[in-house]
Amino acid sequence: MQVISTLPEGYKGFNGTAAIRLSKDGKYLYASNRGHDSIAVYTILADGSLELLEIVPTHGQTPRDFDLTPDQEFVIAVHQDSDNATVFKRNPETGRLAELSNDFHIPEAVCIRFAN
């Protein structure tokens, strides 16, 4: 069993890890941090262990949930305490996230899901 942090080394503030999502290709794992207000991105290695790729800020307070779009091209995080959603462009080759926008107003979001 592997125990791995979703936080940057040395972070001492409050945090609660929340949502966890896997890419459809099984190569990347994403985990949100409520408190640090970020998403940790991991590469899933051949043996099933995780290797931290990056930790990206969500630019909102308390990321309540996030999900990958059905085409896996975007990640959208919704925030409970700042009433906004952040949209990231996802690189399917590297798993990395690049913020596109964080100014979508969504009051007290608790969940995000996509219809097929």
N, C-alpha and C. Protein backbone atom coordinates (compact mmCIF):
# COMPACT_ATOMS: atom_id res chain seq x y z
N MET A 1 0.84 -1.18 0.00
CA MET A 1 0.00 0.00 0.00
C MET A 1 0.89 1.24 0.00
N GLN A 2 0.50 2.23 -0.78
CA GLN A 2 1.23 3.49 -0.87
C GLN A 2 0.44 4.58 -0.16
N VAL A 3 1.13 5.35 0.66
CA VAL A 3 0.52 6.52 1.30
C VAL A 3 1.20 7.74 0.68
N ILE A 4 0.39 8.64 0.12
CA ILE A 4 0.94 9.78 -0.60
C ILE A 4 0.13 11.02 -0.26
N SER A 5 0.80 12.15 -0.11
CA SER A 5 0.13 13.40 0.21
C SER A 5 -0.40 14.07 -1.06
N THR A 6 -1.49 14.80 -0.90
CA THR A 6 -2.03 15.61 -2.00
C THR A 6 -1.59 17.06 -1.87
N LEU A 7 -0.72 17.34 -0.91
CA LEU A 7 -0.32 18.71 -0.59
C LEU A 7 1.15 18.96 -0.90
N PRO A 8 1.51 20.23 -1.10
CA PRO A 8 2.93 20.55 -1.29
C PRO A 8 3.71 20.27 0.00
N GLU A 9 4.95 19.89 -0.15
CA GLU A 9 5.80 19.63 1.00
C GLU A 9 5.87 20.88 1.87
N GLY A 10 5.68 20.70 3.18
CA GLY A 10 5.77 21.80 4.12
C GLY A 10 4.47 22.53 4.38
N TYR A 11 3.40 22.21 3.66
CA TYR A 11 2.13 22.88 3.88
C TYR A 11 1.59 22.48 5.25
N LYS A 12 1.23 23.48 6.08
CA LYS A 12 0.79 23.23 7.45
C LYS A 12 -0.65 23.65 7.72
N GLY A 13 -1.33 24.25 6.76
CA GLY A 13 -2.68 24.75 6.97
C GLY A 13 -3.71 23.63 6.98
N PHE A 14 -4.95 24.00 7.25
CA PHE A 14 -6.06 23.05 7.23
C PHE A 14 -6.24 22.50 5.82
N ASN A 15 -6.61 21.23 5.74
CA ASN A 15 -6.97 20.65 4.45
C ASN A 15 -7.82 19.41 4.66
N GLY A 16 -8.70 19.19 3.71
CA GLY A 16 -9.46 17.95 3.64
C GLY A 16 -9.50 17.52 2.19
N THR A 17 -8.94 16.37 1.90
CA THR A 17 -8.98 15.87 0.53
C THR A 17 -10.41 15.48 0.21
N ALA A 18 -10.86 15.79 -0.98
CA ALA A 18 -12.27 15.59 -1.34
C ALA A 18 -12.40 14.62 -2.50
N ALA A 19 -12.76 15.14 -3.66
CA ALA A 19 -13.04 14.28 -4.82
C ALA A 19 -11.77 13.66 -5.40
N ILE A 20 -11.94 12.47 -5.94
CA ILE A 20 -10.86 11.76 -6.64
C ILE A 20 -11.43 11.29 -7.97
N ARG A 21 -10.70 11.55 -9.05
CA ARG A 21 -11.14 11.13 -10.38
C ARG A 21 -9.98 10.49 -11.14
N LEU A 22 -10.31 9.51 -11.97
CA LEU A 22 -9.33 8.86 -12.84
C LEU A 22 -9.62 9.25 -14.28
N SER A 23 -8.57 9.42 -15.07
CA SER A 23 -8.77 9.63 -16.50
C SER A 23 -9.25 8.32 -17.11
N LYS A 24 -10.01 8.41 -18.20
CA LYS A 24 -10.55 7.20 -18.84
C LYS A 24 -9.48 6.24 -19.30
N ASP A 25 -8.31 6.77 -19.67
CA ASP A 25 -7.22 5.90 -20.13
C ASP A 25 -6.47 5.24 -18.97
N GLY A 26 -6.83 5.61 -17.73
CA GLY A 26 -6.21 5.00 -16.56
C GLY A 26 -4.79 5.45 -16.28
N LYS A 27 -4.34 6.52 -16.92
CA LYS A 27 -2.96 6.99 -16.76
C LYS A 27 -2.78 8.06 -15.69
N TYR A 28 -3.89 8.75 -15.33
CA TYR A 28 -3.77 9.89 -14.42
C TYR A 28 -4.87 9.86 -13.35
N LEU A 29 -4.49 10.30 -12.15
CA LEU A 29 -5.42 10.43 -11.03
C LEU A 29 -5.40 11.89 -10.60
N TYR A 30 -6.59 12.42 -10.31
CA TYR A 30 -6.76 13.81 -9.88
C TYR A 30 -7.46 13.80 -8.52
N ALA A 31 -6.97 14.62 -7.58
CA ALA A 31 -7.57 14.70 -6.24
C ALA A 31 -7.65 16.16 -5.80
N SER A 32 -8.82 16.56 -5.30
CA SER A 32 -8.99 17.96 -4.88
C SER A 32 -8.71 18.12 -3.40
N ASN A 33 -8.23 19.32 -3.06
CA ASN A 33 -7.90 19.69 -1.69
C ASN A 33 -8.78 20.85 -1.24
N ARG A 34 -9.61 20.62 -0.22
CA ARG A 34 -10.41 21.69 0.40
C ARG A 34 -9.58 22.24 1.55
N GLY A 35 -9.23 23.48 1.45
CA GLY A 35 -8.34 24.10 2.43
C GLY A 35 -7.15 24.67 1.68
N HIS A 36 -6.40 23.80 1.02
CA HIS A 36 -5.31 24.26 0.16
C HIS A 36 -5.87 24.79 -1.15
N ASP A 37 -7.11 24.42 -1.48
CA ASP A 37 -7.82 24.89 -2.68
C ASP A 37 -7.03 24.61 -3.95
N SER A 38 -6.84 23.32 -4.18
CA SER A 38 -6.02 22.90 -5.31
C SER A 38 -6.46 21.52 -5.80
N ILE A 39 -5.90 21.13 -6.94
CA ILE A 39 -6.05 19.78 -7.46
C ILE A 39 -4.66 19.20 -7.64
N ALA A 40 -4.43 18.05 -7.02
CA ALA A 40 -3.17 17.32 -7.19
C ALA A 40 -3.33 16.36 -8.36
N VAL A 41 -2.32 16.32 -9.21
CA VAL A 41 -2.35 15.47 -10.40
C VAL A 41 -1.23 14.44 -10.27
N TYR A 42 -1.59 13.17 -10.46
CA TYR A 42 -0.62 12.08 -10.36
C TYR A 42 -0.58 11.27 -11.64
N THR A 43 0.59 10.79 -11.97
CA THR A 43 0.75 9.78 -13.01
C THR A 43 0.59 8.43 -12.34
N ILE A 44 -0.16 7.52 -12.96
CA ILE A 44 -0.29 6.16 -12.45
C ILE A 44 0.75 5.31 -13.16
N LEU A 45 1.70 4.81 -12.42
CA LEU A 45 2.80 4.04 -12.99
C LEU A 45 2.36 2.61 -13.32
N ALA A 46 3.19 1.90 -14.05
CA ALA A 46 2.87 0.54 -14.51
C ALA A 46 2.55 -0.40 -13.36
N ASP A 47 3.19 -0.19 -12.20
CA ASP A 47 2.95 -1.06 -11.04
C ASP A 47 1.75 -0.61 -10.21
N GLY A 48 1.05 0.46 -10.67
CA GLY A 48 -0.12 0.96 -9.96
C GLY A 48 0.18 2.03 -8.93
N SER A 49 1.44 2.31 -8.68
CA SER A 49 1.78 3.36 -7.72
C SER A 49 1.60 4.74 -8.36
N LEU A 50 1.53 5.75 -7.51
CA LEU A 50 1.31 7.12 -7.97
C LEU A 50 2.58 7.94 -7.88
N GLU A 51 2.75 8.82 -8.86
CA GLU A 51 3.87 9.77 -8.85
C GLU A 51 3.28 11.15 -9.05
N LEU A 52 3.56 12.07 -8.11
CA LEU A 52 3.02 13.42 -8.20
C LEU A 52 3.54 14.12 -9.45
N LEU A 53 2.62 14.66 -10.23
CA LEU A 53 2.96 15.39 -11.44
C LEU A 53 2.93 16.89 -11.19
N GLU A 54 1.84 17.37 -10.56
CA GLU A 54 1.71 18.79 -10.26
C GLU A 54 0.57 19.01 -9.28
N ILE A 55 0.58 20.18 -8.63
CA ILE A 55 -0.52 20.63 -7.79
C ILE A 55 -0.91 22.00 -8.32
N VAL A 56 -2.16 22.12 -8.78
CA VAL A 56 -2.60 23.38 -9.40
C VAL A 56 -3.66 24.05 -8.54
N PRO A 57 -3.56 25.38 -8.34
CA PRO A 57 -4.59 26.09 -7.58
C PRO A 57 -5.90 26.11 -8.35
N THR A 58 -7.01 26.04 -7.62
CA THR A 58 -8.32 26.08 -8.27
C THR A 58 -8.89 27.49 -8.36
N HIS A 59 -8.25 28.46 -7.74
CA HIS A 59 -8.68 29.86 -7.78
C HIS A 59 -10.12 30.04 -7.33
N GLY A 60 -10.42 29.40 -6.22
CA GLY A 60 -11.70 29.51 -5.55
C GLY A 60 -11.54 28.91 -4.16
N GLN A 61 -12.53 29.12 -3.30
CA GLN A 61 -12.48 28.60 -1.94
C GLN A 61 -13.30 27.32 -1.81
N THR A 62 -12.66 26.32 -1.25
CA THR A 62 -13.28 25.03 -0.94
C THR A 62 -13.81 24.35 -2.21
N PRO A 63 -12.91 23.78 -3.00
CA PRO A 63 -13.38 23.04 -4.18
C PRO A 63 -14.22 21.84 -3.74
N ARG A 64 -15.51 21.99 -3.87
CA ARG A 64 -16.46 20.99 -3.37
C ARG A 64 -16.46 19.74 -4.23
N ASP A 65 -16.31 19.91 -5.53
CA ASP A 65 -16.28 18.77 -6.44
C ASP A 65 -15.61 19.21 -7.73
N PHE A 66 -15.19 18.24 -8.52
CA PHE A 66 -14.68 18.51 -9.86
C PHE A 66 -14.89 17.26 -10.69
N ASP A 67 -14.83 17.42 -12.00
CA ASP A 67 -14.95 16.25 -12.87
C ASP A 67 -14.30 16.54 -14.21
N LEU A 68 -13.94 15.48 -14.90
CA LEU A 68 -13.45 15.58 -16.26
C LEU A 68 -14.65 15.56 -17.20
N THR A 69 -14.59 16.35 -18.25
CA THR A 69 -15.66 16.32 -19.24
C THR A 69 -15.65 14.97 -19.94
N PRO A 70 -16.76 14.55 -20.51
CA PRO A 70 -16.82 13.23 -21.16
C PRO A 70 -15.74 13.00 -22.22
N ASP A 71 -15.33 14.07 -22.91
CA ASP A 71 -14.27 13.92 -23.92
C ASP A 71 -12.87 13.99 -23.30
N GLN A 72 -12.80 14.20 -21.97
CA GLN A 72 -11.54 14.23 -21.21
C GLN A 72 -10.66 15.44 -21.55
N GLU A 73 -11.19 16.42 -22.26
CA GLU A 73 -10.39 17.59 -22.66
C GLU A 73 -10.35 18.69 -21.61
N PHE A 74 -11.33 18.69 -20.69
CA PHE A 74 -11.41 19.74 -19.69
C PHE A 74 -11.68 19.15 -18.32
N VAL A 75 -11.27 19.90 -17.29
CA VAL A 75 -11.61 19.60 -15.90
C VAL A 75 -12.32 20.85 -15.38
N ILE A 76 -13.46 20.65 -14.73
CA ILE A 76 -14.20 21.77 -14.16
C ILE A 76 -14.34 21.54 -12.66
N ALA A 77 -13.89 22.53 -11.88
CA ALA A 77 -13.99 22.48 -10.42
C ALA A 77 -15.02 23.50 -9.96
N VAL A 78 -15.91 23.09 -9.05
CA VAL A 78 -16.89 24.01 -8.47
C VAL A 78 -16.57 24.20 -7.00
N HIS A 79 -16.78 25.45 -6.53
CA HIS A 79 -16.36 25.85 -5.18
C HIS A 79 -17.56 26.18 -4.31
N GLN A 80 -17.53 25.67 -3.10
CA GLN A 80 -18.61 25.86 -2.14
C GLN A 80 -18.61 27.27 -1.55
N ASP A 81 -17.44 27.81 -1.22
CA ASP A 81 -17.39 29.04 -0.45
C ASP A 81 -17.06 30.30 -1.25
N SER A 82 -16.74 30.18 -2.52
CA SER A 82 -16.50 31.37 -3.34
C SER A 82 -17.47 31.47 -4.50
N ASP A 83 -18.39 30.52 -4.61
CA ASP A 83 -19.47 30.58 -5.60
C ASP A 83 -18.98 30.72 -7.04
N ASN A 84 -17.88 30.04 -7.36
CA ASN A 84 -17.39 30.10 -8.73
C ASN A 84 -16.98 28.71 -9.20
N ALA A 85 -16.85 28.61 -10.51
CA ALA A 85 -16.33 27.39 -11.13
C ALA A 85 -15.06 27.75 -11.90
N THR A 86 -14.10 26.84 -11.90
CA THR A 86 -12.86 27.03 -12.64
C THR A 86 -12.78 25.97 -13.72
N VAL A 87 -12.43 26.39 -14.92
CA VAL A 87 -12.29 25.48 -16.06
C VAL A 87 -10.82 25.35 -16.40
N PHE A 88 -10.36 24.12 -16.49
CA PHE A 88 -8.98 23.82 -16.89
C PHE A 88 -8.99 23.07 -18.22
N LYS A 89 -8.04 23.38 -19.07
CA LYS A 89 -7.78 22.57 -20.27
C LYS A 89 -6.86 21.45 -19.82
N ARG A 90 -7.20 20.22 -20.19
CA ARG A 90 -6.41 19.05 -19.80
C ARG A 90 -5.62 18.55 -21.01
N ASN A 91 -4.33 18.34 -20.80
CA ASN A 91 -3.49 17.77 -21.85
C ASN A 91 -3.57 16.25 -21.73
N PRO A 92 -4.19 15.56 -22.69
CA PRO A 92 -4.37 14.11 -22.55
C PRO A 92 -3.06 13.32 -22.64
N GLU A 93 -2.03 13.92 -23.21
CA GLU A 93 -0.74 13.23 -23.32
C GLU A 93 0.07 13.30 -22.03
N THR A 94 -0.05 14.43 -21.31
CA THR A 94 0.74 14.62 -20.09
C THR A 94 -0.08 14.59 -18.82
N GLY A 95 -1.41 14.76 -18.92
CA GLY A 95 -2.28 14.82 -17.75
C GLY A 95 -2.32 16.18 -17.09
N ARG A 96 -1.47 17.09 -17.51
CA ARG A 96 -1.37 18.41 -16.86
C ARG A 96 -2.61 19.27 -17.15
N LEU A 97 -2.85 20.20 -16.21
CA LEU A 97 -3.99 21.11 -16.30
C LEU A 97 -3.51 22.54 -16.51
N ALA A 98 -4.21 23.28 -17.36
CA ALA A 98 -3.94 24.70 -17.58
C ALA A 98 -5.25 25.46 -17.40
N GLU A 99 -5.26 26.43 -16.50
CA GLU A 99 -6.49 27.17 -16.23
C GLU A 99 -6.91 28.01 -17.43
N LEU A 100 -8.20 27.94 -17.76
CA LEU A 100 -8.77 28.77 -18.82
C LEU A 100 -9.58 29.92 -18.26
N SER A 101 -10.37 29.66 -17.19
CA SER A 101 -11.24 30.68 -16.63
C SER A 101 -11.66 30.28 -15.22
N ASN A 102 -11.91 31.29 -14.37
CA ASN A 102 -12.41 31.00 -13.03
C ASN A 102 -13.54 31.95 -12.64
N ASP A 103 -14.22 32.53 -13.62
CA ASP A 103 -15.21 33.55 -13.31
C ASP A 103 -16.65 33.15 -13.59
N PHE A 104 -16.92 31.85 -13.63
CA PHE A 104 -18.30 31.39 -13.78
C PHE A 104 -18.97 31.41 -12.41
N HIS A 105 -20.06 32.16 -12.28
CA HIS A 105 -20.76 32.30 -11.00
C HIS A 105 -21.72 31.11 -10.81
N ILE A 106 -21.45 30.32 -9.77
CA ILE A 106 -22.30 29.18 -9.43
C ILE A 106 -22.45 29.17 -7.90
N PRO A 107 -23.57 29.65 -7.37
CA PRO A 107 -23.75 29.76 -5.92
C PRO A 107 -23.77 28.40 -5.22
N GLU A 108 -22.96 28.28 -4.18
CA GLU A 108 -22.95 27.13 -3.27
C GLU A 108 -22.97 25.78 -3.98
N ALA A 109 -22.12 25.62 -4.96
CA ALA A 109 -22.06 24.36 -5.71
C ALA A 109 -21.62 23.21 -4.80
N VAL A 110 -22.23 22.07 -4.99
CA VAL A 110 -21.86 20.89 -4.22
C VAL A 110 -21.44 19.71 -5.09
N CYS A 111 -21.78 19.75 -6.39
CA CYS A 111 -21.51 18.60 -7.25
C CYS A 111 -21.49 19.06 -8.70
N ILE A 112 -20.72 18.36 -9.52
CA ILE A 112 -20.74 18.61 -10.96
C ILE A 112 -20.78 17.27 -11.68
N ARG A 113 -21.69 17.15 -12.64
CA ARG A 113 -21.82 15.94 -13.45
C ARG A 113 -22.16 16.35 -14.87
N PHE A 114 -21.82 15.51 -15.81
CA PHE A 114 -22.09 15.77 -17.22
C PHE A 114 -23.06 14.74 -17.76
N ALA A 115 -24.03 15.20 -18.54
CA ALA A 115 -24.97 14.29 -19.19
C ALA A 115 -24.34 13.80 -20.49
N ASN A 116 -24.65 12.59 -20.85
CA ASN A 116 -24.11 12.05 -22.11
C ASN A 116 -24.91 12.53 -23.29
